[in-house]
Amino acid sequence: MDIARIEAAAKRLKSHARRTPLLGAPALDQIAGRRLLVKPECLQHTGSFKFRGGWSALSAMSPEARKKGVIAYSSGNHAQGVAMAARAHGAPAVIIMPSDAPALKIDGTRALGAEVVLYERGREAREEIGDRLARGRGLTLIKPYDDPEVIAGQGTCGLEIAEQAAELNVTQGDVLVCCGGGGLTAGIALALQARAPDMRVRPAEPEGFDDTARSLRAGKQLANDQEAGGLCDAILTPKPGDLTFPINARLCGPGLVVSDDEVLHAMALAFRHLKVVAEPGGAVALAAALFHGDALQGDTVIATISGGNVEASVFARALQRL
């Protein structure tokens, strides 16, 4: 993986992906104790950054492979990103989703024309199901993070951060990224290494699912004790990716870990001050920026809101923090 692959993905994504803004609000600066800039990928197509990786992967495939179709596994955001990209490319899509995924994500994936196959998280291995269906139907598997073209697509978000921050005369500081398997984290880290080398990526995760933070400390991949049951469904992965972890171990600073209450509070503050809707997994980086400032460096911090596909009941819980 290198910057050339990310730049190639950016060319293929041009006029297809949204260039999401870099937002700020004085009230959030006051809470964070420094200037806080927010990259709201919740405004991206399908409501998350995952569209970038989905389009990058589909657009890099041969016409023959696309005609046969693609398969992906996801709790919802990668599912919708791949499904939308597949529909635009005229490719059949099969998406393997956990049965406990939010209903709006399952329904949204089906609405984009994909065939949804449900599995029991914690009891069945989505990778095994994906491999079996891919072989049986001749489908191309697009992994949610351990795929070079997916990482490259997510890296285009980092290119935008570097460009937009430079326009605001920001060239250094911590960049906080919501982290599950590490695809967005790795892509942004690679992009910033090339375009804004004085910026440091910091993975952010929820308590109980902080496999990347623990793995970075240990210098090796460590798994979570559980795979389900957390509030932040979008970023609950068993362990860091085989492709993503070496990149993140080389380029990222220490991981940050936030509580569910901090996540809900961050969702409420994003709605109040930025007028954007964040899902729990998409708000962990903002929560870290707002409530863990003592662990950060620099006068300015940048945080991603990686997704906004939240069920109404969960969002209502968040708004109670206002």
C-alpha atoms as a PDB file:
ATOM      1  CA  MET A   1       0.000   0.000   0.000  1.00  0.00           C
ATOM      2  CA  ASP A   2       1.240   3.467  -0.899  1.00  0.00           C
ATOM      3  CA  ILE A   3       0.031   6.938  -1.787  1.00  0.00           C
ATOM      4  CA  ALA A   4      -0.063   6.101  -5.514  1.00  0.00           C
ATOM      5  CA  ARG A   5      -2.841   3.584  -4.928  1.00  0.00           C
ATOM      6  CA  ILE A   6      -4.829   6.106  -2.903  1.00  0.00           C
ATOM      7  CA  GLU A   7      -4.370   8.769  -5.596  1.00  0.00           C
ATOM      8  CA  ALA A   8      -5.565   6.287  -8.226  1.00  0.00           C
ATOM      9  CA  ALA A   9      -8.632   5.547  -6.117  1.00  0.00           C
ATOM     10  CA  ALA A  10      -9.267   9.286  -5.781  1.00  0.00           C
ATOM     11  CA  LYS A  11      -9.344   9.639  -9.575  1.00  0.00           C
ATOM     12  CA  ARG A  12     -11.877   6.825  -9.871  1.00  0.00           C
ATOM     13  CA  LEU A  13     -13.983   8.336  -7.074  1.00  0.00           C
ATOM     14  CA  LYS A  14     -13.974  11.833  -8.546  1.00  0.00           C
ATOM     15  CA  SER A  15     -17.533  13.029  -9.248  1.00  0.00           C
ATOM     16  CA  HIS A  16     -18.887   9.909  -7.501  1.00  0.00           C
ATOM     17  CA  ALA A  17     -17.991  10.394  -3.821  1.00  0.00           C
ATOM     18  CA  ARG A  18     -18.924  13.533  -1.921  1.00  0.00           C
ATOM     19  CA  ARG A  19     -16.117  15.797  -0.723  1.00  0.00           C
ATOM     20  CA  THR A  20     -17.372  16.122   2.840  1.00  0.00           C
ATOM     21  CA  PRO A  21     -16.565  19.409   4.623  1.00  0.00           C
ATOM     22  CA  LEU A  22     -14.370  20.146   7.626  1.00  0.00           C
ATOM     23  CA  LEU A  23     -16.623  21.671  10.277  1.00  0.00           C
ATOM     24  CA  GLY A  24     -16.081  23.511  13.528  1.00  0.00           C
ATOM     25  CA  ALA A  25     -18.059  25.203  16.295  1.00  0.00           C
ATOM     26  CA  PRO A  26     -16.836  27.510  19.102  1.00  0.00           C
ATOM     27  CA  ALA A  27     -18.849  25.562  21.680  1.00  0.00           C
ATOM     28  CA  LEU A  28     -17.053  22.344  20.755  1.00  0.00           C
ATOM     29  CA  ASP A  29     -13.676  24.122  20.885  1.00  0.00           C
ATOM     30  CA  GLN A  30     -14.479  25.195  24.433  1.00  0.00           C
ATOM     31  CA  ILE A  31     -15.345  21.652  25.535  1.00  0.00           C
ATOM     32  CA  ALA A  32     -12.300  20.160  23.815  1.00  0.00           C
ATOM     33  CA  GLY A  33      -9.959  22.794  25.177  1.00  0.00           C
ATOM     34  CA  ARG A  34      -8.476  23.445  21.741  1.00  0.00           C
ATOM     35  CA  ARG A  35      -9.579  24.053  18.190  1.00  0.00           C
ATOM     36  CA  LEU A  36     -11.650  21.075  17.044  1.00  0.00           C
ATOM     37  CA  LEU A  37     -12.308  20.359  13.376  1.00  0.00           C
ATOM     38  CA  VAL A  38     -14.739  17.607  12.408  1.00  0.00           C
ATOM     39  CA  LYS A  39     -14.809  15.594   9.174  1.00  0.00           C
ATOM     40  CA  PRO A  40     -18.464  14.421   8.865  1.00  0.00           C
ATOM     41  CA  GLU A  41     -18.388  11.312   6.707  1.00  0.00           C
ATOM     42  CA  CYS A  42     -21.931  10.750   7.924  1.00  0.00           C
ATOM     43  CA  LEU A  43     -22.765  13.072   5.000  1.00  0.00           C
ATOM     44  CA  GLN A  44     -21.175  10.672   2.493  1.00  0.00           C
ATOM     45  CA  HIS A  45     -23.338   8.538   0.188  1.00  0.00           C
ATOM     46  CA  THR A  46     -25.125   5.785   2.178  1.00  0.00           C
ATOM     47  CA  GLY A  47     -24.348   7.694   5.391  1.00  0.00           C
ATOM     48  CA  SER A  48     -20.755   6.608   5.965  1.00  0.00           C
ATOM     49  CA  PHE A  49     -17.200   6.627   4.619  1.00  0.00           C
ATOM     50  CA  LYS A  50     -17.677   3.037   3.477  1.00  0.00           C
ATOM     51  CA  PHE A  51     -18.956   4.163   0.083  1.00  0.00           C
ATOM     52  CA  ARG A  52     -15.405   5.299  -0.732  1.00  0.00           C
ATOM     53  CA  GLY A  53     -13.950   1.824  -0.262  1.00  0.00           C
ATOM     54  CA  GLY A  54     -16.863   0.109  -1.954  1.00  0.00           C
ATOM     55  CA  TRP A  55     -16.568   2.258  -5.083  1.00  0.00           C
ATOM     56  CA  SER A  56     -12.780   1.940  -5.115  1.00  0.00           C
ATOM     57  CA  ALA A  57     -12.984  -1.853  -5.026  1.00  0.00           C
ATOM     58  CA  LEU A  58     -15.763  -2.191  -7.627  1.00  0.00           C
ATOM     59  CA  SER A  59     -14.181   0.307 -10.022  1.00  0.00           C
ATOM     60  CA  ALA A  60     -10.844  -1.530  -9.858  1.00  0.00           C
ATOM     61  CA  MET A  61     -12.370  -4.874 -10.876  1.00  0.00           C
ATOM     62  CA  SER A  62     -12.419  -6.246 -14.394  1.00  0.00           C
ATOM     63  CA  PRO A  63     -15.745  -6.047 -16.283  1.00  0.00           C
ATOM     64  CA  GLU A  64     -15.873  -9.854 -16.307  1.00  0.00           C
ATOM     65  CA  ALA A  65     -15.540 -10.075 -12.515  1.00  0.00           C
ATOM     66  CA  ARG A  66     -18.133  -7.357 -11.960  1.00  0.00           C
ATOM     67  CA  LYS A  67     -20.595  -9.189 -14.201  1.00  0.00           C
ATOM     68  CA  LYS A  68     -20.358 -12.297 -11.981  1.00  0.00           C
ATOM     69  CA  GLY A  69     -20.994 -10.210  -8.881  1.00  0.00           C
ATOM     70  CA  VAL A  70     -19.514  -9.352  -5.504  1.00  0.00           C
ATOM     71  CA  ILE A  71     -19.966 -10.468  -1.931  1.00  0.00           C
ATOM     72  CA  ALA A  72     -19.213  -8.634   1.291  1.00  0.00           C
ATOM     73  CA  TYR A  73     -19.769  -9.046   5.036  1.00  0.00           C
ATOM     74  CA  SER A  74     -20.726  -6.134   7.209  1.00  0.00           C
ATOM     75  CA  SER A  75     -22.858  -4.958  10.110  1.00  0.00           C
ATOM     76  CA  GLY A  76     -24.342  -2.371   7.792  1.00  0.00           C
ATOM     77  CA  ASN A  77     -22.163   0.486   6.581  1.00  0.00           C
ATOM     78  CA  HIS A  78     -19.788  -1.513   4.371  1.00  0.00           C
ATOM     79  CA  ALA A  79     -22.873  -3.430   3.255  1.00  0.00           C
ATOM     80  CA  GLN A  80     -24.591  -0.303   2.004  1.00  0.00           C
ATOM     81  CA  GLY A  81     -21.425   1.171   0.514  1.00  0.00           C
ATOM     82  CA  VAL A  82     -20.738  -1.967  -1.533  1.00  0.00           C
ATOM     83  CA  ALA A  83     -24.401  -2.380  -2.448  1.00  0.00           C
ATOM     84  CA  MET A  84     -24.663   1.156  -3.816  1.00  0.00           C
ATOM     85  CA  ALA A  85     -21.379   0.877  -5.714  1.00  0.00           C
ATOM     86  CA  ALA A  86     -22.408  -2.506  -7.125  1.00  0.00           C
ATOM     87  CA  ARG A  87     -25.772  -1.174  -8.295  1.00  0.00           C
ATOM     88  CA  ALA A  88     -24.081   1.747 -10.047  1.00  0.00           C
ATOM     89  CA  HIS A  89     -21.696  -0.666 -11.798  1.00  0.00           C
ATOM     90  CA  GLY A  90     -24.465  -3.115 -12.744  1.00  0.00           C
ATOM     91  CA  ALA A  91     -22.971  -5.859 -10.572  1.00  0.00           C
ATOM     92  CA  PRO A  92     -24.998  -8.336  -8.468  1.00  0.00           C
ATOM     93  CA  ALA A  93     -24.222  -8.045  -4.739  1.00  0.00           C
ATOM     94  CA  VAL A  94     -24.613 -10.507  -1.868  1.00  0.00           C
ATOM     95  CA  ILE A  95     -24.131  -9.061   1.629  1.00  0.00           C
ATOM     96  CA  ILE A  96     -23.626 -11.154   4.778  1.00  0.00           C
ATOM     97  CA  MET A  97     -24.949  -9.283   7.809  1.00  0.00           C
ATOM     98  CA  PRO A  98     -25.318 -10.147  11.513  1.00  0.00           C
ATOM     99  CA  SER A  99     -28.915 -10.765  12.534  1.00  0.00           C
ATOM    100  CA  ASP A 100     -28.520  -8.216  15.348  1.00  0.00           C
ATOM    101  CA  ALA A 101     -27.521  -5.398  12.982  1.00  0.00           C
ATOM    102  CA  PRO A 102     -29.782  -2.338  13.159  1.00  0.00           C
ATOM    103  CA  ALA A 103     -32.923  -2.885  11.111  1.00  0.00           C
ATOM    104  CA  LEU A 104     -32.421   0.331   9.162  1.00  0.00           C
ATOM    105  CA  LYS A 105     -29.044  -0.946   7.935  1.00  0.00           C
ATOM    106  CA  ILE A 106     -30.457  -4.306   6.850  1.00  0.00           C
ATOM    107  CA  ASP A 107     -33.421  -2.619   5.173  1.00  0.00           C
ATOM    108  CA  GLY A 108     -31.156  -0.007   3.583  1.00  0.00           C
ATOM    109  CA  THR A 109     -28.922  -2.684   2.099  1.00  0.00           C
ATOM    110  CA  ARG A 110     -31.875  -4.537   0.612  1.00  0.00           C
ATOM    111  CA  ALA A 111     -33.293  -1.288  -0.750  1.00  0.00           C
ATOM    112  CA  LEU A 112     -30.059  -0.843  -2.718  1.00  0.00           C
ATOM    113  CA  GLY A 113     -30.748  -4.113  -4.519  1.00  0.00           C
ATOM    114  CA  ALA A 114     -28.420  -6.446  -2.624  1.00  0.00           C
ATOM    115  CA  GLU A 115     -29.256  -9.971  -1.501  1.00  0.00           C
ATOM    116  CA  VAL A 116     -28.851 -10.074   2.301  1.00  0.00           C
ATOM    117  CA  VAL A 117     -27.730 -13.262   4.080  1.00  0.00           C
ATOM    118  CA  LEU A 118     -28.078 -13.071   7.881  1.00  0.00           C
ATOM    119  CA  TYR A 119     -25.850 -14.888  10.400  1.00  0.00           C
ATOM    120  CA  GLU A 120     -25.575 -15.156  14.188  1.00  0.00           C
ATOM    121  CA  ARG A 121     -22.726 -12.970  15.436  1.00  0.00           C
ATOM    122  CA  GLY A 122     -20.545 -14.792  17.985  1.00  0.00           C
ATOM    123  CA  ARG A 123     -21.839 -18.212  16.881  1.00  0.00           C
ATOM    124  CA  GLU A 124     -21.073 -18.222  13.160  1.00  0.00           C
ATOM    125  CA  ALA A 125     -17.988 -16.955  11.320  1.00  0.00           C
ATOM    126  CA  ARG A 126     -18.888 -14.459   8.618  1.00  0.00           C
ATOM    127  CA  GLU A 127     -15.559 -15.096   6.890  1.00  0.00           C
ATOM    128  CA  GLU A 128     -16.377 -18.777   6.447  1.00  0.00           C
ATOM    129  CA  ILE A 129     -19.819 -17.981   5.085  1.00  0.00           C
ATOM    130  CA  GLY A 130     -18.344 -15.429   2.701  1.00  0.00           C
ATOM    131  CA  ASP A 131     -15.665 -17.777   1.419  1.00  0.00           C
ATOM    132  CA  ARG A 132     -18.194 -20.561   0.867  1.00  0.00           C
ATOM    133  CA  LEU A 133     -20.642 -18.390  -1.062  1.00  0.00           C
ATOM    134  CA  ALA A 134     -17.883 -16.718  -3.058  1.00  0.00           C
ATOM    135  CA  ARG A 135     -16.529 -20.070  -4.237  1.00  0.00           C
ATOM    136  CA  GLY A 136     -19.960 -21.529  -4.922  1.00  0.00           C
ATOM    137  CA  ARG A 137     -21.249 -18.606  -6.979  1.00  0.00           C
ATOM    138  CA  GLY A 138     -18.046 -17.250  -8.480  1.00  0.00           C
ATOM    139  CA  LEU A 139     -18.383 -13.958  -6.584  1.00  0.00           C
ATOM    140  CA  THR A 140     -15.535 -11.596  -5.764  1.00  0.00           C
ATOM    141  CA  LEU A 141     -15.190 -11.009  -2.028  1.00  0.00           C
ATOM    142  CA  ILE A 142     -14.779  -7.370  -0.972  1.00  0.00           C
ATOM    143  CA  LYS A 143     -13.589  -7.434   2.610  1.00  0.00           C
ATOM    144  CA  PRO A 144     -14.611  -4.556   4.889  1.00  0.00           C
ATOM    145  CA  TYR A 145     -11.044  -3.483   5.678  1.00  0.00           C
ATOM    146  CA  ASP A 146      -8.449  -6.108   4.735  1.00  0.00           C
ATOM    147  CA  ASP A 147      -8.553  -5.260   1.028  1.00  0.00           C
ATOM    148  CA  PRO A 148      -5.958  -2.988  -0.628  1.00  0.00           C
ATOM    149  CA  GLU A 149      -8.489  -1.219  -2.835  1.00  0.00           C
ATOM    150  CA  VAL A 150     -10.854  -0.693   0.092  1.00  0.00           C
ATOM    151  CA  ILE A 151      -8.028   0.817   2.159  1.00  0.00           C
ATOM    152  CA  ALA A 152      -7.108   3.016  -0.814  1.00  0.00           C
ATOM    153  CA  GLY A 153     -10.685   4.232  -1.134  1.00  0.00           C
ATOM    154  CA  GLN A 154     -10.860   5.102   2.556  1.00  0.00           C
ATOM    155  CA  GLY A 155      -7.531   6.883   2.167  1.00  0.00           C
ATOM    156  CA  THR A 156      -9.196   9.447  -0.079  1.00  0.00           C
ATOM    157  CA  CYS A 157     -10.783  10.826   3.083  1.00  0.00           C
ATOM    158  CA  GLY A 158      -7.243  11.491   4.321  1.00  0.00           C
ATOM    159  CA  LEU A 159      -6.359  13.346   1.126  1.00  0.00           C
ATOM    160  CA  GLU A 160      -9.321  15.627   1.720  1.00  0.00           C
ATOM    161  CA  ILE A 161      -8.384  16.180   5.359  1.00  0.00           C
ATOM    162  CA  ALA A 162      -4.865  17.221   4.361  1.00  0.00           C
ATOM    163  CA  GLU A 163      -6.153  19.619   1.698  1.00  0.00           C
ATOM    164  CA  GLN A 164      -8.899  21.143   3.813  1.00  0.00           C
ATOM    165  CA  ALA A 165      -6.714  21.510   6.893  1.00  0.00           C
ATOM    166  CA  ALA A 166      -4.017  23.254   4.853  1.00  0.00           C
ATOM    167  CA  GLU A 167      -6.648  25.707   3.606  1.00  0.00           C
ATOM    168  CA  LEU A 168      -7.239  26.562   7.280  1.00  0.00           C
ATOM    169  CA  ASN A 169      -3.479  26.830   7.944  1.00  0.00           C
ATOM    170  CA  VAL A 170      -3.500  23.623   9.983  1.00  0.00           C
ATOM    171  CA  THR A 171      -0.524  21.392   9.197  1.00  0.00           C
ATOM    172  CA  GLN A 172       0.066  19.527  12.448  1.00  0.00           C
ATOM    173  CA  GLY A 173      -1.841  17.893  15.274  1.00  0.00           C
ATOM    174  CA  ASP A 174      -3.672  14.690  16.111  1.00  0.00           C
ATOM    175  CA  VAL A 175      -6.252  13.265  13.696  1.00  0.00           C
ATOM    176  CA  LEU A 176      -8.700  11.035  15.541  1.00  0.00           C
ATOM    177  CA  VAL A 177     -10.278   8.226  13.518  1.00  0.00           C
ATOM    178  CA  CYS A 178     -13.109   5.865  14.456  1.00  0.00           C
ATOM    179  CA  CYS A 179     -11.543   2.416  14.311  1.00  0.00           C
ATOM    180  CA  GLY A 180     -13.000  -1.051  13.844  1.00  0.00           C
ATOM    181  CA  GLY A 181     -10.879  -3.256  11.606  1.00  0.00           C
ATOM    182  CA  GLY A 182      -8.638  -0.315  10.804  1.00  0.00           C
ATOM    183  CA  GLY A 183      -9.318   0.367   7.117  1.00  0.00           C
ATOM    184  CA  LEU A 184     -10.234   4.034   7.514  1.00  0.00           C
ATOM    185  CA  THR A 185      -7.445   4.483  10.042  1.00  0.00           C
ATOM    186  CA  ALA A 186      -4.833   2.919   7.763  1.00  0.00           C
ATOM    187  CA  GLY A 187      -6.018   4.766   4.670  1.00  0.00           C
ATOM    188  CA  ILE A 188      -5.990   8.154   6.382  1.00  0.00           C
ATOM    189  CA  ALA A 189      -2.616   7.428   7.990  1.00  0.00           C
ATOM    190  CA  LEU A 190      -1.058   6.597   4.617  1.00  0.00           C
ATOM    191  CA  ALA A 191      -2.539   9.689   2.999  1.00  0.00           C
ATOM    192  CA  LEU A 192      -1.362  11.990   5.789  1.00  0.00           C
ATOM    193  CA  GLN A 193       2.108  10.455   5.805  1.00  0.00           C
ATOM    194  CA  ALA A 194       2.446  11.649   2.206  1.00  0.00           C
ATOM    195  CA  ARG A 195       0.455  14.895   2.285  1.00  0.00           C
ATOM    196  CA  ALA A 196       0.624  16.137   5.905  1.00  0.00           C
ATOM    197  CA  PRO A 197       3.481  14.328   7.672  1.00  0.00           C
ATOM    198  CA  ASP A 198       3.245  16.461  10.831  1.00  0.00           C
ATOM    199  CA  MET A 199      -0.246  15.143  11.517  1.00  0.00           C
ATOM    200  CA  ARG A 200      -0.560  11.993  13.624  1.00  0.00           C
ATOM    201  CA  VAL A 201      -3.462   9.553  13.365  1.00  0.00           C
ATOM    202  CA  ARG A 202      -4.955   8.282  16.635  1.00  0.00           C
ATOM    203  CA  PRO A 203      -7.392   5.340  16.471  1.00  0.00           C
ATOM    204  CA  ALA A 204     -10.485   5.729  18.684  1.00  0.00           C
ATOM    205  CA  GLU A 205     -12.553   2.819  19.994  1.00  0.00           C
ATOM    206  CA  PRO A 206     -15.275   2.027  22.566  1.00  0.00           C
ATOM    207  CA  GLU A 207     -14.525   0.385  25.906  1.00  0.00           C
ATOM    208  CA  GLY A 208     -14.635  -3.401  25.735  1.00  0.00           C
ATOM    209  CA  PHE A 209     -13.823  -3.381  22.019  1.00  0.00           C
ATOM    210  CA  ASP A 210     -10.437  -1.667  22.118  1.00  0.00           C
ATOM    211  CA  ASP A 211      -8.478  -4.356  20.279  1.00  0.00           C
ATOM    212  CA  THR A 212      -6.499  -1.845  18.219  1.00  0.00           C
ATOM    213  CA  ALA A 213      -5.449   0.238  21.227  1.00  0.00           C
ATOM    214  CA  ARG A 214      -4.318  -2.874  23.097  1.00  0.00           C
ATOM    215  CA  SER A 215      -2.632  -4.306  20.015  1.00  0.00           C
ATOM    216  CA  LEU A 216      -0.686  -1.099  19.419  1.00  0.00           C
ATOM    217  CA  ARG A 217       0.571  -1.194  23.012  1.00  0.00           C
ATOM    218  CA  ALA A 218       1.510  -4.871  22.765  1.00  0.00           C
ATOM    219  CA  GLY A 219       3.060  -4.633  19.295  1.00  0.00           C
ATOM    220  CA  LYS A 220       0.971  -7.565  18.046  1.00  0.00           C
ATOM    221  CA  GLN A 221      -2.624  -8.310  17.091  1.00  0.00           C
ATOM    222  CA  LEU A 222      -4.888  -8.971  20.057  1.00  0.00           C
ATOM    223  CA  ALA A 223      -8.532 -10.006  19.860  1.00  0.00           C
ATOM    224  CA  ASN A 224     -11.535  -8.691  21.732  1.00  0.00           C
ATOM    225  CA  ASP A 225     -13.032 -10.924  24.399  1.00  0.00           C
ATOM    226  CA  GLN A 226     -16.468 -10.442  22.816  1.00  0.00           C
ATOM    227  CA  GLU A 227     -17.766  -9.705  19.337  1.00  0.00           C
ATOM    228  CA  ALA A 228     -21.288  -8.493  20.086  1.00  0.00           C
ATOM    229  CA  GLY A 229     -23.358  -6.563  22.584  1.00  0.00           C
ATOM    230  CA  GLY A 230     -21.719  -3.157  22.327  1.00  0.00           C
ATOM    231  CA  LEU A 231     -23.436   0.138  21.535  1.00  0.00           C
ATOM    232  CA  CYS A 232     -21.067   0.928  18.650  1.00  0.00           C
ATOM    233  CA  ASP A 233     -22.182  -1.815  16.244  1.00  0.00           C
ATOM    234  CA  ALA A 234     -20.437  -0.262  13.226  1.00  0.00           C
ATOM    235  CA  ILE A 235     -16.938  -0.837  14.613  1.00  0.00           C
ATOM    236  CA  LEU A 236     -17.236  -4.140  16.485  1.00  0.00           C
ATOM    237  CA  THR A 237     -14.608  -6.379  14.902  1.00  0.00           C
ATOM    238  CA  PRO A 238     -12.874  -9.462  16.322  1.00  0.00           C
ATOM    239  CA  LYS A 239      -9.338  -8.077  16.000  1.00  0.00           C
ATOM    240  CA  PRO A 240      -7.267  -5.649  13.895  1.00  0.00           C
ATOM    241  CA  GLY A 241      -6.905  -6.565  10.240  1.00  0.00           C
ATOM    242  CA  ASP A 242      -3.918  -8.466   8.875  1.00  0.00           C
ATOM    243  CA  LEU A 243      -3.300  -5.757   6.256  1.00  0.00           C
ATOM    244  CA  THR A 244      -4.341  -2.766   8.326  1.00  0.00           C
ATOM    245  CA  PHE A 245      -2.551  -3.470  11.590  1.00  0.00           C
ATOM    246  CA  PRO A 246       1.036  -3.298  10.259  1.00  0.00           C
ATOM    247  CA  ILE A 247       0.213   0.048   8.652  1.00  0.00           C
ATOM    248  CA  ASN A 248      -1.365   1.403  11.812  1.00  0.00           C
ATOM    249  CA  ALA A 249       1.409   0.057  14.030  1.00  0.00           C
ATOM    250  CA  ARG A 250       3.939   1.915  11.870  1.00  0.00           C
ATOM    251  CA  LEU A 251       2.104   5.196  11.414  1.00  0.00           C
ATOM    252  CA  CYS A 252      -0.358   5.749  14.272  1.00  0.00           C
ATOM    253  CA  GLY A 253      -0.004   7.133  17.766  1.00  0.00           C
ATOM    254  CA  PRO A 254      -1.520   5.389  20.809  1.00  0.00           C
ATOM    255  CA  GLY A 255      -5.172   4.410  20.625  1.00  0.00           C
ATOM    256  CA  LEU A 256      -7.911   6.214  22.534  1.00  0.00           C
ATOM    257  CA  VAL A 257     -10.771   4.487  24.351  1.00  0.00           C
ATOM    258  CA  VAL A 258     -14.122   6.077  25.233  1.00  0.00           C
ATOM    259  CA  SER A 259     -17.179   5.042  27.240  1.00  0.00           C
ATOM    260  CA  ASP A 260     -20.670   4.517  25.840  1.00  0.00           C
ATOM    261  CA  ASP A 261     -21.898   7.513  27.830  1.00  0.00           C
ATOM    262  CA  GLU A 262     -19.208   9.698  26.251  1.00  0.00           C
ATOM    263  CA  VAL A 263     -20.248   8.431  22.822  1.00  0.00           C
ATOM    264  CA  LEU A 264     -23.905   9.295  23.423  1.00  0.00           C
ATOM    265  CA  HIS A 265     -22.925  12.736  24.722  1.00  0.00           C
ATOM    266  CA  ALA A 266     -20.764  13.337  21.641  1.00  0.00           C
ATOM    267  CA  MET A 267     -23.685  12.370  19.377  1.00  0.00           C
ATOM    268  CA  ALA A 268     -25.887  14.916  21.134  1.00  0.00           C
ATOM    269  CA  LEU A 269     -23.268  17.660  20.891  1.00  0.00           C
ATOM    270  CA  ALA A 270     -22.685  16.966  17.196  1.00  0.00           C
ATOM    271  CA  PHE A 271     -26.390  17.378  16.585  1.00  0.00           C
ATOM    272  CA  ARG A 272     -26.653  20.555  18.637  1.00  0.00           C
ATOM    273  CA  HIS A 273     -23.564  22.379  17.407  1.00  0.00           C
ATOM    274  CA  LEU A 274     -22.823  20.919  13.955  1.00  0.00           C
ATOM    275  CA  LYS A 275     -26.354  19.958  12.887  1.00  0.00           C
ATOM    276  CA  VAL A 276     -25.191  16.484  11.884  1.00  0.00           C
ATOM    277  CA  VAL A 277     -26.413  13.039  12.939  1.00  0.00           C
ATOM    278  CA  ALA A 278     -23.773  10.564  14.115  1.00  0.00           C
ATOM    279  CA  GLU A 279     -24.263   6.891  14.899  1.00  0.00           C
ATOM    280  CA  PRO A 280     -22.510   5.532  18.013  1.00  0.00           C
ATOM    281  CA  GLY A 281     -19.605   3.896  16.159  1.00  0.00           C
ATOM    282  CA  GLY A 282     -19.216   7.039  14.096  1.00  0.00           C
ATOM    283  CA  ALA A 283     -18.957   9.271  17.166  1.00  0.00           C
ATOM    284  CA  VAL A 284     -16.121   7.610  19.090  1.00  0.00           C
ATOM    285  CA  ALA A 285     -13.432   9.865  17.616  1.00  0.00           C
ATOM    286  CA  LEU A 286     -15.449  12.977  18.439  1.00  0.00           C
ATOM    287  CA  ALA A 287     -15.988  11.654  21.973  1.00  0.00           C
ATOM    288  CA  ALA A 288     -12.233  11.199  22.364  1.00  0.00           C
ATOM    289  CA  ALA A 289     -11.586  14.733  21.102  1.00  0.00           C
ATOM    290  CA  LEU A 290     -14.142  16.239  23.463  1.00  0.00           C
ATOM    291  CA  PHE A 291     -13.516  14.269  26.639  1.00  0.00           C
ATOM    292  CA  HIS A 292      -9.921  12.989  26.452  1.00  0.00           C
ATOM    293  CA  GLY A 293      -8.060  16.160  25.621  1.00  0.00           C
ATOM    294  CA  ASP A 294      -5.333  15.410  28.146  1.00  0.00           C
ATOM    295  CA  ALA A 295      -4.183  12.552  25.886  1.00  0.00           C
ATOM    296  CA  LEU A 296      -3.891  14.753  22.801  1.00  0.00           C
ATOM    297  CA  GLN A 297      -1.174  16.969  21.396  1.00  0.00           C
ATOM    298  CA  GLY A 298      -1.322  20.303  19.590  1.00  0.00           C
ATOM    299  CA  ASP A 299      -3.549  23.358  19.526  1.00  0.00           C
ATOM    300  CA  THR A 300      -5.844  21.790  16.913  1.00  0.00           C
ATOM    301  CA  VAL A 301      -7.380  18.328  16.745  1.00  0.00           C
ATOM    302  CA  ILE A 302      -9.295  16.802  13.845  1.00  0.00           C
ATOM    303  CA  ALA A 303     -11.930  14.110  14.425  1.00  0.00           C
ATOM    304  CA  THR A 304     -13.882  11.999  11.962  1.00  0.00           C
ATOM    305  CA  ILE A 305     -17.577  11.255  12.279  1.00  0.00           C
ATOM    306  CA  SER A 306     -17.431   8.083  10.260  1.00  0.00           C
ATOM    307  CA  GLY A 307     -21.133   7.286   9.971  1.00  0.00           C
ATOM    308  CA  GLY A 308     -24.644   8.484  10.728  1.00  0.00           C
ATOM    309  CA  ASN A 309     -26.842   5.409  10.285  1.00  0.00           C
ATOM    310  CA  VAL A 310     -28.453   5.366  13.721  1.00  0.00           C
ATOM    311  CA  GLU A 311     -31.801   3.979  14.803  1.00  0.00           C
ATOM    312  CA  ALA A 312     -34.272   6.519  16.168  1.00  0.00           C
ATOM    313  CA  SER A 313     -34.405   4.891  19.617  1.00  0.00           C
ATOM    314  CA  VAL A 314     -30.632   5.083  20.030  1.00  0.00           C
ATOM    315  CA  PHE A 315     -30.523   8.663  18.799  1.00  0.00           C
ATOM    316  CA  ALA A 316     -33.267   9.563  21.268  1.00  0.00           C
ATOM    317  CA  ARG A 317     -31.094   8.184  24.083  1.00  0.00           C
ATOM    318  CA  ALA A 318     -28.265  10.400  22.898  1.00  0.00           C
ATOM    319  CA  LEU A 319     -30.405  13.526  22.773  1.00  0.00           C
ATOM    320  CA  GLN A 320     -31.337  13.002  26.419  1.00  0.00           C
ATOM    321  CA  ARG A 321     -27.765  14.134  27.221  1.00  0.00           C
ATOM    322  CA  LEU A 322     -28.608  17.679  26.079  1.00  0.00           C
END
